[in-house]
Amino acid sequence: MVNKRGLSPDEYFNLDPEVLDMLMVYDAYIEPTGTQIEMLKHAYQCYYTTISNGNLTPEARRSIKVADFDFLDVLNSDLTTQEKAEVKEQKKKEAQANDIKSIGDAIRNQVLGKKNGK
């Protein structure tokens, strides 16, 4: 509502902070065209389309979650945006460290596998 209704910059900056917070909550969670509502709709549509696919194995069908289709990462509201970014960066660093370690292990095994320089 704040962005869609076209508040001028003066109106926006002159709003009472409590009113602005309430409008932001309304925009994010209550308004039917809000981001979370649209993502819920999209994620459930994709989930049910995938589940109804006859080619899925039973274990694959059990492993699929609605959150798998949340490409904006807005359905999990436990973390703030900054915390989500920090977790994503930490996972990226861990994956990179694991990749480097696995490459090092592969090189070590290849070198130790050769005998007498052959």
PDB file of N, CA and C in Angstrom:
ATOM      1  N   MET A   1       0.819  -1.181   0.000  1.00  0.00           N
ATOM      2  CA  MET A   1       0.000   0.000   0.000  1.00  0.00           C
ATOM      3  C   MET A   1       0.865   1.247   0.000  1.00  0.00           C
ATOM      4  N   VAL A   2       1.936   1.220   0.759  1.00  0.00           N
ATOM      5  CA  VAL A   2       2.798   2.396   0.838  1.00  0.00           C
ATOM      6  C   VAL A   2       3.367   2.708  -0.538  1.00  0.00           C
ATOM      7  N   ASN A   3       3.876   1.691  -1.235  1.00  0.00           N
ATOM      8  CA  ASN A   3       4.476   1.921  -2.540  1.00  0.00           C
ATOM      9  C   ASN A   3       3.434   1.974  -3.649  1.00  0.00           C
ATOM     10  N   LYS A   4       2.398   1.147  -3.567  1.00  0.00           N
ATOM     11  CA  LYS A   4       1.427   1.034  -4.646  1.00  0.00           C
ATOM     12  C   LYS A   4       0.469   2.218  -4.705  1.00  0.00           C
ATOM     13  N   ARG A   5       0.195   2.835  -3.598  1.00  0.00           N
ATOM     14  CA  ARG A   5      -0.773   3.938  -3.578  1.00  0.00           C
ATOM     15  C   ARG A   5      -0.119   5.262  -3.929  1.00  0.00           C
ATOM     16  N   GLY A   6       1.179   5.268  -4.071  1.00  0.00           N
ATOM     17  CA  GLY A   6       1.869   6.445  -4.547  1.00  0.00           C
ATOM     18  C   GLY A   6       1.980   7.578  -3.552  1.00  0.00           C
ATOM     19  N   LEU A   7       2.424   7.271  -2.339  1.00  0.00           N
ATOM     20  CA  LEU A   7       2.669   8.359  -1.390  1.00  0.00           C
ATOM     21  C   LEU A   7       3.834   9.195  -1.903  1.00  0.00           C
ATOM     22  N   SER A   8       3.687  10.499  -1.797  1.00  0.00           N
ATOM     23  CA  SER A   8       4.790  11.365  -2.196  1.00  0.00           C
ATOM     24  C   SER A   8       5.896  11.261  -1.145  1.00  0.00           C
ATOM     25  N   PRO A   9       7.116  11.641  -1.489  1.00  0.00           N
ATOM     26  CA  PRO A   9       8.194  11.583  -0.499  1.00  0.00           C
ATOM     27  C   PRO A   9       7.885  12.383   0.767  1.00  0.00           C
ATOM     28  N   ASP A  10       7.232  13.541   0.604  1.00  0.00           N
ATOM     29  CA  ASP A  10       6.879  14.340   1.789  1.00  0.00           C
ATOM     30  C   ASP A  10       5.890  13.593   2.675  1.00  0.00           C
ATOM     31  N   GLU A  11       4.878  12.991   2.067  1.00  0.00           N
ATOM     32  CA  GLU A  11       3.901  12.229   2.843  1.00  0.00           C
ATOM     33  C   GLU A  11       4.572  11.035   3.528  1.00  0.00           C
ATOM     34  N   TYR A  12       5.438  10.384   2.786  1.00  0.00           N
ATOM     35  CA  TYR A  12       6.118   9.204   3.325  1.00  0.00           C
ATOM     36  C   TYR A  12       6.979   9.564   4.534  1.00  0.00           C
ATOM     37  N   PHE A  13       7.778  10.603   4.411  1.00  0.00           N
ATOM     38  CA  PHE A  13       8.687  10.972   5.496  1.00  0.00           C
ATOM     39  C   PHE A  13       7.989  11.679   6.646  1.00  0.00           C
ATOM     40  N   ASN A  14       6.796  12.197   6.418  1.00  0.00           N
ATOM     41  CA  ASN A  14       6.056  12.871   7.478  1.00  0.00           C
ATOM     42  C   ASN A  14       5.073  11.962   8.203  1.00  0.00           C
ATOM     43  N   LEU A  15       5.004  10.700   7.798  1.00  0.00           N
ATOM     44  CA  LEU A  15       4.126   9.759   8.501  1.00  0.00           C
ATOM     45  C   LEU A  15       4.656   9.492   9.895  1.00  0.00           C
ATOM     46  N   ASP A  16       3.741   9.306  10.812  1.00  0.00           N
ATOM     47  CA  ASP A  16       4.111   8.907  12.162  1.00  0.00           C
ATOM     48  C   ASP A  16       4.812   7.545  12.082  1.00  0.00           C
ATOM     49  N   PRO A  17       5.929   7.330  12.775  1.00  0.00           N
ATOM     50  CA  PRO A  17       6.647   6.052  12.679  1.00  0.00           C
ATOM     51  C   PRO A  17       5.788   4.824  12.987  1.00  0.00           C
ATOM     52  N   GLU A  18       4.859   4.959  13.930  1.00  0.00           N
ATOM     53  CA  GLU A  18       3.977   3.837  14.245  1.00  0.00           C
ATOM     54  C   GLU A  18       3.047   3.519  13.079  1.00  0.00           C
ATOM     55  N   VAL A  19       2.542   4.553  12.428  1.00  0.00           N
ATOM     56  CA  VAL A  19       1.660   4.362  11.276  1.00  0.00           C
ATOM     57  C   VAL A  19       2.449   3.733  10.129  1.00  0.00           C
ATOM     58  N   LEU A  20       3.676   4.198   9.919  1.00  0.00           N
ATOM     59  CA  LEU A  20       4.516   3.635   8.863  1.00  0.00           C
ATOM     60  C   LEU A  20       4.798   2.163   9.135  1.00  0.00           C
ATOM     61  N   ASP A  21       5.089   1.816  10.375  1.00  0.00           N
ATOM     62  CA  ASP A  21       5.313   0.411  10.727  1.00  0.00           C
ATOM     63  C   ASP A  21       4.062  -0.419  10.476  1.00  0.00           C
ATOM     64  N   MET A  22       2.915   0.103  10.839  1.00  0.00           N
ATOM     65  CA  MET A  22       1.660  -0.631  10.614  1.00  0.00           C
ATOM     66  C   MET A  22       1.399  -0.817   9.127  1.00  0.00           C
ATOM     67  N   LEU A  23       1.685   0.205   8.329  1.00  0.00           N
ATOM     68  CA  LEU A  23       1.499   0.094   6.885  1.00  0.00           C
ATOM     69  C   LEU A  23       2.460  -0.932   6.286  1.00  0.00           C
ATOM     70  N   MET A  24       3.677  -0.970   6.786  1.00  0.00           N
ATOM     71  CA  MET A  24       4.655  -1.951   6.289  1.00  0.00           C
ATOM     72  C   MET A  24       4.213  -3.371   6.646  1.00  0.00           C
ATOM     73  N   VAL A  25       3.707  -3.566   7.852  1.00  0.00           N
ATOM     74  CA  VAL A  25       3.196  -4.878   8.246  1.00  0.00           C
ATOM     75  C   VAL A  25       2.013  -5.251   7.363  1.00  0.00           C
ATOM     76  N   TYR A  26       1.129  -4.298   7.113  1.00  0.00           N
ATOM     77  CA  TYR A  26      -0.020  -4.549   6.245  1.00  0.00           C
ATOM     78  C   TYR A  26       0.455  -4.947   4.852  1.00  0.00           C
ATOM     79  N   ASP A  27       1.430  -4.219   4.313  1.00  0.00           N
ATOM     80  CA  ASP A  27       1.955  -4.531   2.982  1.00  0.00           C
ATOM     81  C   ASP A  27       2.572  -5.923   2.927  1.00  0.00           C
ATOM     82  N   ALA A  28       3.316  -6.279   3.954  1.00  0.00           N
ATOM     83  CA  ALA A  28       4.078  -7.528   3.923  1.00  0.00           C
ATOM     84  C   ALA A  28       3.239  -8.759   4.228  1.00  0.00           C
ATOM     85  N   TYR A  29       2.258  -8.635   5.110  1.00  0.00           N
ATOM     86  CA  TYR A  29       1.590  -9.841   5.596  1.00  0.00           C
ATOM     87  C   TYR A  29       0.086  -9.921   5.332  1.00  0.00           C
ATOM     88  N   ILE A  30      -0.597  -8.797   5.243  1.00  0.00           N
ATOM     89  CA  ILE A  30      -2.051  -8.825   5.229  1.00  0.00           C
ATOM     90  C   ILE A  30      -2.624  -8.600   3.834  1.00  0.00           C
ATOM     91  N   GLU A  31      -2.089  -7.664   3.113  1.00  0.00           N
ATOM     92  CA  GLU A  31      -2.637  -7.316   1.809  1.00  0.00           C
ATOM     93  C   GLU A  31      -2.607  -8.529   0.875  1.00  0.00           C
ATOM     94  N   PRO A  32      -3.716  -8.842   0.215  1.00  0.00           N
ATOM     95  CA  PRO A  32      -3.784 -10.041  -0.617  1.00  0.00           C
ATOM     96  C   PRO A  32      -2.777 -10.069  -1.756  1.00  0.00           C
ATOM     97  N   THR A  33      -2.287  -8.948  -2.192  1.00  0.00           N
ATOM     98  CA  THR A  33      -1.303  -8.945  -3.260  1.00  0.00           C
ATOM     99  C   THR A  33       0.106  -8.761  -2.710  1.00  0.00           C
ATOM    100  N   GLY A  34       0.281  -9.005  -1.422  1.00  0.00           N
ATOM    101  CA  GLY A  34       1.595  -8.867  -0.812  1.00  0.00           C
ATOM    102  C   GLY A  34       2.554  -9.954  -1.277  1.00  0.00           C
ATOM    103  N   THR A  35       3.817  -9.729  -1.057  1.00  0.00           N
ATOM    104  CA  THR A  35       4.853 -10.647  -1.511  1.00  0.00           C
ATOM    105  C   THR A  35       4.697 -12.025  -0.898  1.00  0.00           C
ATOM    106  N   GLN A  36       4.443 -12.088   0.392  1.00  0.00           N
ATOM    107  CA  GLN A  36       4.326 -13.392   1.044  1.00  0.00           C
ATOM    108  C   GLN A  36       3.129 -14.174   0.541  1.00  0.00           C
ATOM    109  N   ILE A  37       2.008 -13.507   0.349  1.00  0.00           N
ATOM    110  CA  ILE A  37       0.805 -14.186  -0.130  1.00  0.00           C
ATOM    111  C   ILE A  37       1.034 -14.726  -1.533  1.00  0.00           C
ATOM    112  N   GLU A  38       1.635 -13.920  -2.390  1.00  0.00           N
ATOM    113  CA  GLU A  38       1.916 -14.371  -3.758  1.00  0.00           C
ATOM    114  C   GLU A  38       2.901 -15.536  -3.769  1.00  0.00           C
ATOM    115  N   MET A  39       3.906 -15.483  -2.883  1.00  0.00           N
ATOM    116  CA  MET A  39       4.880 -16.575  -2.832  1.00  0.00           C
ATOM    117  C   MET A  39       4.228 -17.848  -2.284  1.00  0.00           C
ATOM    118  N   LEU A  40       3.348 -17.723  -1.307  1.00  0.00           N
ATOM    119  CA  LEU A  40       2.617 -18.888  -0.808  1.00  0.00           C
ATOM    120  C   LEU A  40       1.796 -19.527  -1.921  1.00  0.00           C
ATOM    121  N   LYS A  41       1.108 -18.698  -2.676  1.00  0.00           N
ATOM    122  CA  LYS A  41       0.295 -19.194  -3.788  1.00  0.00           C
ATOM    123  C   LYS A  41       1.173 -19.922  -4.810  1.00  0.00           C
ATOM    124  N   HIS A  42       2.262 -19.303  -5.196  1.00  0.00           N
ATOM    125  CA  HIS A  42       3.175 -19.902  -6.171  1.00  0.00           C
ATOM    126  C   HIS A  42       3.770 -21.209  -5.651  1.00  0.00           C
ATOM    127  N   ALA A  43       4.252 -21.191  -4.413  1.00  0.00           N
ATOM    128  CA  ALA A  43       4.907 -22.371  -3.851  1.00  0.00           C
ATOM    129  C   ALA A  43       3.937 -23.544  -3.733  1.00  0.00           C
ATOM    130  N   TYR A  44       2.716 -23.292  -3.292  1.00  0.00           N
ATOM    131  CA  TYR A  44       1.737 -24.374  -3.181  1.00  0.00           C
ATOM    132  C   TYR A  44       1.305 -24.891  -4.546  1.00  0.00           C
ATOM    133  N   GLN A  45       1.181 -24.013  -5.536  1.00  0.00           N
ATOM    134  CA  GLN A  45       0.848 -24.475  -6.883  1.00  0.00           C
ATOM    135  C   GLN A  45       1.942 -25.385  -7.423  1.00  0.00           C
ATOM    136  N   CYS A  46       3.189 -24.967  -7.272  1.00  0.00           N
ATOM    137  CA  CYS A  46       4.309 -25.796  -7.736  1.00  0.00           C
ATOM    138  C   CYS A  46       4.389 -27.101  -6.958  1.00  0.00           C
ATOM    139  N   TYR A  47       4.173 -27.037  -5.664  1.00  0.00           N
ATOM    140  CA  TYR A  47       4.235 -28.224  -4.815  1.00  0.00           C
ATOM    141  C   TYR A  47       3.196 -29.257  -5.244  1.00  0.00           C
ATOM    142  N   TYR A  48       1.949 -28.825  -5.400  1.00  0.00           N
ATOM    143  CA  TYR A  48       0.897 -29.768  -5.761  1.00  0.00           C
ATOM    144  C   TYR A  48       1.043 -30.277  -7.193  1.00  0.00           C
ATOM    145  N   THR A  49       1.563 -29.452  -8.079  1.00  0.00           N
ATOM    146  CA  THR A  49       1.831 -29.924  -9.436  1.00  0.00           C
ATOM    147  C   THR A  49       2.916 -30.987  -9.425  1.00  0.00           C
ATOM    148  N   THR A  50       3.942 -30.781  -8.631  1.00  0.00           N
ATOM    149  CA  THR A  50       5.036 -31.750  -8.545  1.00  0.00           C
ATOM    150  C   THR A  50       4.578 -33.032  -7.879  1.00  0.00           C
ATOM    151  N   ILE A  51       3.827 -32.920  -6.797  1.00  0.00           N
ATOM    152  CA  ILE A  51       3.352 -34.096  -6.062  1.00  0.00           C
ATOM    153  C   ILE A  51       2.429 -34.950  -6.932  1.00  0.00           C
ATOM    154  N   SER A  52       1.652 -34.312  -7.784  1.00  0.00           N
ATOM    155  CA  SER A  52       0.707 -35.068  -8.609  1.00  0.00           C
ATOM    156  C   SER A  52       1.373 -35.739  -9.806  1.00  0.00           C
ATOM    157  N   ASN A  53       2.667 -35.500  -9.991  1.00  0.00           N
ATOM    158  CA  ASN A  53       3.397 -36.128 -11.084  1.00  0.00           C
ATOM    159  C   ASN A  53       3.517 -37.626 -10.812  1.00  0.00           C
ATOM    160  N   GLY A  54       3.079 -38.444 -11.737  1.00  0.00           N
ATOM    161  CA  GLY A  54       3.103 -39.892 -11.560  1.00  0.00           C
ATOM    162  C   GLY A  54       4.484 -40.507 -11.674  1.00  0.00           C
ATOM    163  N   ASN A  55       5.458 -39.761 -12.162  1.00  0.00           N
ATOM    164  CA  ASN A  55       6.806 -40.303 -12.340  1.00  0.00           C
ATOM    165  C   ASN A  55       7.665 -40.224 -11.086  1.00  0.00           C
ATOM    166  N   LEU A  56       7.172 -39.585 -10.034  1.00  0.00           N
ATOM    167  CA  LEU A  56       7.953 -39.458  -8.806  1.00  0.00           C
ATOM    168  C   LEU A  56       7.936 -40.750  -8.010  1.00  0.00           C
ATOM    169  N   THR A  57       9.079 -41.060  -7.418  1.00  0.00           N
ATOM    170  CA  THR A  57       9.124 -42.209  -6.511  1.00  0.00           C
ATOM    171  C   THR A  57       8.505 -41.799  -5.178  1.00  0.00           C
ATOM    172  N   PRO A  58       8.044 -42.754  -4.399  1.00  0.00           N
ATOM    173  CA  PRO A  58       7.444 -42.402  -3.098  1.00  0.00           C
ATOM    174  C   PRO A  58       8.403 -41.649  -2.180  1.00  0.00           C
ATOM    175  N   GLU A  59       9.680 -42.018  -2.193  1.00  0.00           N
ATOM    176  CA  GLU A  59      10.627 -41.302  -1.316  1.00  0.00           C
ATOM    177  C   GLU A  59      10.874 -39.883  -1.812  1.00  0.00           C
ATOM    178  N   ALA A  60      10.888 -39.666  -3.110  1.00  0.00           N
ATOM    179  CA  ALA A  60      11.031 -38.306  -3.645  1.00  0.00           C
ATOM    180  C   ALA A  60       9.801 -37.482  -3.304  1.00  0.00           C
ATOM    181  N   ARG A  61       8.635 -38.105  -3.365  1.00  0.00           N
ATOM    182  CA  ARG A  61       7.382 -37.412  -3.042  1.00  0.00           C
ATOM    183  C   ARG A  61       7.377 -36.974  -1.578  1.00  0.00           C
ATOM    184  N   ARG A  62       7.936 -37.824  -0.709  1.00  0.00           N
ATOM    185  CA  ARG A  62       7.988 -37.472   0.724  1.00  0.00           C
ATOM    186  C   ARG A  62       9.015 -36.389   1.020  1.00  0.00           C
ATOM    187  N   SER A  63      10.067 -36.328   0.209  1.00  0.00           N
ATOM    188  CA  SER A  63      11.156 -35.395   0.508  1.00  0.00           C
ATOM    189  C   SER A  63      10.867 -33.966   0.031  1.00  0.00           C
ATOM    190  N   ILE A  64       9.919 -33.790  -0.848  1.00  0.00           N
ATOM    191  CA  ILE A  64       9.613 -32.464  -1.378  1.00  0.00           C
ATOM    192  C   ILE A  64       8.810 -31.674  -0.345  1.00  0.00           C
ATOM    193  N   LYS A  65       9.204 -30.400  -0.192  1.00  0.00           N
ATOM    194  CA  LYS A  65       8.522 -29.504   0.745  1.00  0.00           C
ATOM    195  C   LYS A  65       8.074 -28.252  -0.002  1.00  0.00           C
ATOM    196  N   VAL A  66       7.108 -27.569   0.545  1.00  0.00           N
ATOM    197  CA  VAL A  66       6.628 -26.323  -0.051  1.00  0.00           C
ATOM    198  C   VAL A  66       7.759 -25.296  -0.078  1.00  0.00           C
ATOM    199  N   ALA A  67       8.593 -25.292   0.948  1.00  0.00           N
ATOM    200  CA  ALA A  67       9.691 -24.320   1.032  1.00  0.00           C
ATOM    201  C   ALA A  67      10.705 -24.499  -0.092  1.00  0.00           C
ATOM    202  N   ASP A  68      10.726 -25.666  -0.737  1.00  0.00           N
ATOM    203  CA  ASP A  68      11.643 -25.886  -1.858  1.00  0.00           C
ATOM    204  C   ASP A  68      11.321 -24.972  -3.039  1.00  0.00           C
ATOM    205  N   PHE A  69      10.094 -24.496  -3.123  1.00  0.00           N
ATOM    206  CA  PHE A  69       9.661 -23.664  -4.239  1.00  0.00           C
ATOM    207  C   PHE A  69       9.652 -22.176  -3.891  1.00  0.00           C
ATOM    208  N   ASP A  70      10.149 -21.829  -2.721  1.00  0.00           N
ATOM    209  CA  ASP A  70      10.208 -20.435  -2.266  1.00  0.00           C
ATOM    210  C   ASP A  70      11.507 -19.807  -2.760  1.00  0.00           C
ATOM    211  N   PHE A  71      11.506 -19.328  -4.001  1.00  0.00           N
ATOM    212  CA  PHE A  71      12.742 -18.799  -4.571  1.00  0.00           C
ATOM    213  C   PHE A  71      13.099 -17.421  -4.042  1.00  0.00           C
ATOM    214  N   LEU A  72      12.195 -16.716  -3.405  1.00  0.00           N
ATOM    215  CA  LEU A  72      12.509 -15.419  -2.794  1.00  0.00           C
ATOM    216  C   LEU A  72      12.899 -15.538  -1.331  1.00  0.00           C
ATOM    217  N   ASP A  73      12.721 -16.716  -0.770  1.00  0.00           N
ATOM    218  CA  ASP A  73      13.047 -16.987   0.634  1.00  0.00           C
ATOM    219  C   ASP A  73      12.291 -16.046   1.575  1.00  0.00           C
ATOM    220  N   VAL A  74      10.992 -15.921   1.357  1.00  0.00           N
ATOM    221  CA  VAL A  74      10.172 -15.052   2.208  1.00  0.00           C
ATOM    222  C   VAL A  74       9.219 -15.837   3.105  1.00  0.00           C
ATOM    223  N   LEU A  75       9.087 -17.137   2.878  1.00  0.00           N
ATOM    224  CA  LEU A  75       8.141 -17.908   3.677  1.00  0.00           C
ATOM    225  C   LEU A  75       8.679 -18.247   5.050  1.00  0.00           C
ATOM    226  N   ASN A  76       9.983 -18.362   5.197  1.00  0.00           N
ATOM    227  CA  ASN A  76      10.579 -18.636   6.501  1.00  0.00           C
ATOM    228  C   ASN A  76      10.814 -17.302   7.194  1.00  0.00           C
ATOM    229  N   SER A  77       9.950 -16.938   8.108  1.00  0.00           N
ATOM    230  CA  SER A  77      10.032 -15.623   8.747  1.00  0.00           C
ATOM    231  C   SER A  77      10.757 -15.663  10.089  1.00  0.00           C
ATOM    232  N   ASP A  78      11.504 -16.743  10.358  1.00  0.00           N
ATOM    233  CA  ASP A  78      12.229 -16.844  11.623  1.00  0.00           C
ATOM    234  C   ASP A  78      13.436 -15.907  11.664  1.00  0.00           C
ATOM    235  N   LEU A  79      14.023 -15.632  10.517  1.00  0.00           N
ATOM    236  CA  LEU A  79      15.231 -14.827  10.450  1.00  0.00           C
ATOM    237  C   LEU A  79      14.962 -13.513   9.723  1.00  0.00           C
ATOM    238  N   THR A  80      15.733 -12.503  10.082  1.00  0.00           N
ATOM    239  CA  THR A  80      15.647 -11.237   9.357  1.00  0.00           C
ATOM    240  C   THR A  80      16.410 -11.375   8.047  1.00  0.00           C
ATOM    241  N   THR A  81      16.265 -10.392   7.189  1.00  0.00           N
ATOM    242  CA  THR A  81      16.946 -10.431   5.895  1.00  0.00           C
ATOM    243  C   THR A  81      18.454 -10.462   6.072  1.00  0.00           C
ATOM    244  N   GLN A  82      18.966  -9.697   7.029  1.00  0.00           N
ATOM    245  CA  GLN A  82      20.403  -9.664   7.270  1.00  0.00           C
ATOM    246  C   GLN A  82      20.883 -11.019   7.796  1.00  0.00           C
ATOM    247  N   GLU A  83      20.134 -11.622   8.704  1.00  0.00           N
ATOM    248  CA  GLU A  83      20.512 -12.932   9.231  1.00  0.00           C
ATOM    249  C   GLU A  83      20.487 -13.990   8.130  1.00  0.00           C
ATOM    250  N   LYS A  84      19.485 -13.914   7.227  1.00  0.00           N
ATOM    251  CA  LYS A  84      19.421 -14.847   6.102  1.00  0.00           C
ATOM    252  C   LYS A  84      20.649 -14.694   5.215  1.00  0.00           C
ATOM    253  N   ALA A  85      21.060 -13.444   4.963  1.00  0.00           N
ATOM    254  CA  ALA A  85      22.237 -13.203   4.132  1.00  0.00           C
ATOM    255  C   ALA A  85      23.492 -13.753   4.800  1.00  0.00           C
ATOM    256  N   GLU A  86      23.596 -13.597   6.122  1.00  0.00           N
ATOM    257  CA  GLU A  86      24.759 -14.115   6.843  1.00  0.00           C
ATOM    258  C   GLU A  86      24.802 -15.635   6.802  1.00  0.00           C
ATOM    259  N   VAL A  87      23.648 -16.279   6.971  1.00  0.00           N
ATOM    260  CA  VAL A  87      23.589 -17.742   6.920  1.00  0.00           C
ATOM    261  C   VAL A  87      23.962 -18.235   5.522  1.00  0.00           C
ATOM    262  N   LYS A  88      23.444 -17.544   4.494  1.00  0.00           N
ATOM    263  CA  LYS A  88      23.752 -17.926   3.115  1.00  0.00           C
ATOM    264  C   LYS A  88      25.245 -17.785   2.833  1.00  0.00           C
ATOM    265  N   GLU A  89      25.853 -16.705   3.324  1.00  0.00           N
ATOM    266  CA  GLU A  89      27.293 -16.481   3.129  1.00  0.00           C
ATOM    267  C   GLU A  89      28.106 -17.536   3.874  1.00  0.00           C
ATOM    268  N   GLN A  90      27.681 -17.888   5.075  1.00  0.00           N
ATOM    269  CA  GLN A  90      28.378 -18.918   5.852  1.00  0.00           C
ATOM    270  C   GLN A  90      28.295 -20.276   5.146  1.00  0.00           C
ATOM    271  N   LYS A  91      27.130 -20.621   4.614  1.00  0.00           N
ATOM    272  CA  LYS A  91      26.987 -21.883   3.884  1.00  0.00           C
ATOM    273  C   LYS A  91      27.855 -21.891   2.633  1.00  0.00           C
ATOM    274  N   LYS A  92      27.940 -20.742   1.967  1.00  0.00           N
ATOM    275  CA  LYS A  92      28.770 -20.630   0.777  1.00  0.00           C
ATOM    276  C   LYS A  92      30.242 -20.855   1.121  1.00  0.00           C
ATOM    277  N   LYS A  93      30.697 -20.263   2.228  1.00  0.00           N
ATOM    278  CA  LYS A  93      32.093 -20.441   2.647  1.00  0.00           C
ATOM    279  C   LYS A  93      32.369 -21.887   3.049  1.00  0.00           C
ATOM    280  N   GLU A  94      31.408 -22.516   3.745  1.00  0.00           N
ATOM    281  CA  GLU A  94      31.578 -23.916   4.145  1.00  0.00           C
ATOM    282  C   GLU A  94      31.639 -24.824   2.925  1.00  0.00           C
ATOM    283  N   ALA A  95      30.795 -24.559   1.939  1.00  0.00           N
ATOM    284  CA  ALA A  95      30.802 -25.364   0.717  1.00  0.00           C
ATOM    285  C   ALA A  95      32.117 -25.196  -0.027  1.00  0.00           C
ATOM    286  N   GLN A  96      32.624 -23.981  -0.069  1.00  0.00           N
ATOM    287  CA  GLN A  96      33.901 -23.733  -0.741  1.00  0.00           C
ATOM    288  C   GLN A  96      35.033 -24.440  -0.003  1.00  0.00           C
ATOM    289  N   ALA A  97      35.025 -24.395   1.329  1.00  0.00           N
ATOM    290  CA  ALA A  97      36.053 -25.077   2.105  1.00  0.00           C
ATOM    291  C   ALA A  97      35.977 -26.593   1.902  1.00  0.00           C
ATOM    292  N   ASN A  98      34.756 -27.136   1.849  1.00  0.00           N
ATOM    293  CA  ASN A  98      34.592 -28.571   1.613  1.00  0.00           C
ATOM    294  C   ASN A  98      35.065 -28.966   0.217  1.00  0.00           C
ATOM    295  N   ASP A  99      34.802 -28.108  -0.773  1.00  0.00           N
ATOM    296  CA  ASP A  99      35.262 -28.391  -2.137  1.00  0.00           C
ATOM    297  C   ASP A  99      36.787 -28.405  -2.207  1.00  0.00           C
ATOM    298  N   ILE A 100      37.409 -27.436  -1.558  1.00  0.00           N
ATOM    299  CA  ILE A 100      38.881 -27.372  -1.559  1.00  0.00           C
ATOM    300  C   ILE A 100      39.459 -28.585  -0.849  1.00  0.00           C
ATOM    301  N   LYS A 101      38.846 -28.968   0.261  1.00  0.00           N
ATOM    302  CA  LYS A 101      39.326 -30.137   0.997  1.00  0.00           C
ATOM    303  C   LYS A 101      39.178 -31.406   0.163  1.00  0.00           C
ATOM    304  N   SER A 102      38.047 -31.567  -0.528  1.00  0.00           N
ATOM    305  CA  SER A 102      37.844 -32.775  -1.338  1.00  0.00           C
ATOM    306  C   SER A 102      38.809 -32.818  -2.519  1.00  0.00           C
ATOM    307  N   ILE A 103      39.110 -31.659  -3.110  1.00  0.00           N
ATOM    308  CA  ILE A 103      40.099 -31.620  -4.199  1.00  0.00           C
ATOM    309  C   ILE A 103      41.472 -31.990  -3.660  1.00  0.00           C
ATOM    310  N   GLY A 104      41.817 -31.464  -2.478  1.00  0.00           N
ATOM    311  CA  GLY A 104      43.105 -31.811  -1.856  1.00  0.00           C
ATOM    312  C   GLY A 104      43.192 -33.296  -1.545  1.00  0.00           C
ATOM    313  N   ASP A 105      42.107 -33.871  -1.035  1.00  0.00           N
ATOM    314  CA  ASP A 105      42.093 -35.309  -0.749  1.00  0.00           C
ATOM    315  C   ASP A 105      42.250 -36.124  -2.025  1.00  0.00           C
ATOM    316  N   ALA A 106      41.579 -35.700  -3.089  1.00  0.00           N
ATOM    317  CA  ALA A 106      41.682 -36.423  -4.366  1.00  0.00           C
ATOM    318  C   ALA A 106      43.100 -36.363  -4.906  1.00  0.00           C
ATOM    319  N   ILE A 107      43.747 -35.199  -4.819  1.00  0.00           N
ATOM    320  CA  ILE A 107      45.131 -35.071  -5.290  1.00  0.00           C
ATOM    321  C   ILE A 107      46.060 -35.929  -4.437  1.00  0.00           C
ATOM    322  N   ARG A 108      45.875 -35.907  -3.115  1.00  0.00           N
ATOM    323  CA  ARG A 108      46.710 -36.715  -2.223  1.00  0.00           C
ATOM    324  C   ARG A 108      46.541 -38.201  -2.516  1.00  0.00           C
ATOM    325  N   ASN A 109      45.320 -38.642  -2.702  1.00  0.00           N
ATOM    326  CA  ASN A 109      45.085 -40.049  -3.001  1.00  0.00           C
ATOM    327  C   ASN A 109      45.680 -40.447  -4.349  1.00  0.00           C
ATOM    328  N   GLN A 110      45.631 -39.552  -5.316  1.00  0.00           N
ATOM    329  CA  GLN A 110      46.198 -39.838  -6.615  1.00  0.00           C
ATOM    330  C   GLN A 110      47.721 -39.931  -6.523  1.00  0.00           C
ATOM    331  N   VAL A 111      48.335 -39.033  -5.763  1.00  0.00           N
ATOM    332  CA  VAL A 111      49.794 -39.045  -5.612  1.00  0.00           C
ATOM    333  C   VAL A 111      50.236 -40.269  -4.824  1.00  0.00           C
ATOM    334  N   LEU A 112      49.543 -40.572  -3.742  1.00  0.00           N
ATOM    335  CA  LEU A 112      49.914 -41.730  -2.925  1.00  0.00           C
ATOM    336  C   LEU A 112      49.611 -43.048  -3.635  1.00  0.00           C
ATOM    337  N   GLY A 113      48.700 -43.021  -4.579  1.00  0.00           N
ATOM    338  CA  GLY A 113      48.346 -44.232  -5.314  1.00  0.00           C
ATOM    339  C   GLY A 113      49.438 -44.651  -6.290  1.00  0.00           C
ATOM    340  N   LYS A 114      50.223 -43.678  -6.740  1.00  0.00           N
ATOM    341  CA  LYS A 114      51.320 -44.002  -7.674  1.00  0.00           C
ATOM    342  C   LYS A 114      52.501 -44.546  -6.880  1.00  0.00           C
ATOM    343  N   LYS A 115      53.069 -45.610  -7.389  1.00  0.00           N
ATOM    344  CA  LYS A 115      54.234 -46.214  -6.714  1.00  0.00           C
ATOM    345  C   LYS A 115      55.435 -46.159  -7.623  1.00  0.00           C
ATOM    346  N   ASN A 116      56.588 -45.862  -7.049  1.00  0.00           N
ATOM    347  CA  ASN A 116      57.861 -45.804  -7.765  1.00  0.00           C
ATOM    348  C   ASN A 116      57.829 -44.776  -8.895  1.00  0.00           C
ATOM    349  N   GLY A 117      57.091 -43.707  -8.714  1.00  0.00           N
ATOM    350  CA  GLY A 117      57.067 -42.638  -9.700  1.00  0.00           C
ATOM    351  C   GLY A 117      56.363 -42.982 -10.987  1.00  0.00           C
ATOM    352  N   LYS A 118      55.659 -44.093 -11.021  1.00  0.00           N
ATOM    353  CA  LYS A 118      54.975 -44.490 -12.262  1.00  0.00           C
ATOM    354  C   LYS A 118      53.555 -44.040 -12.260  1.00  0.00           C
TER     355      LYS A 118
END
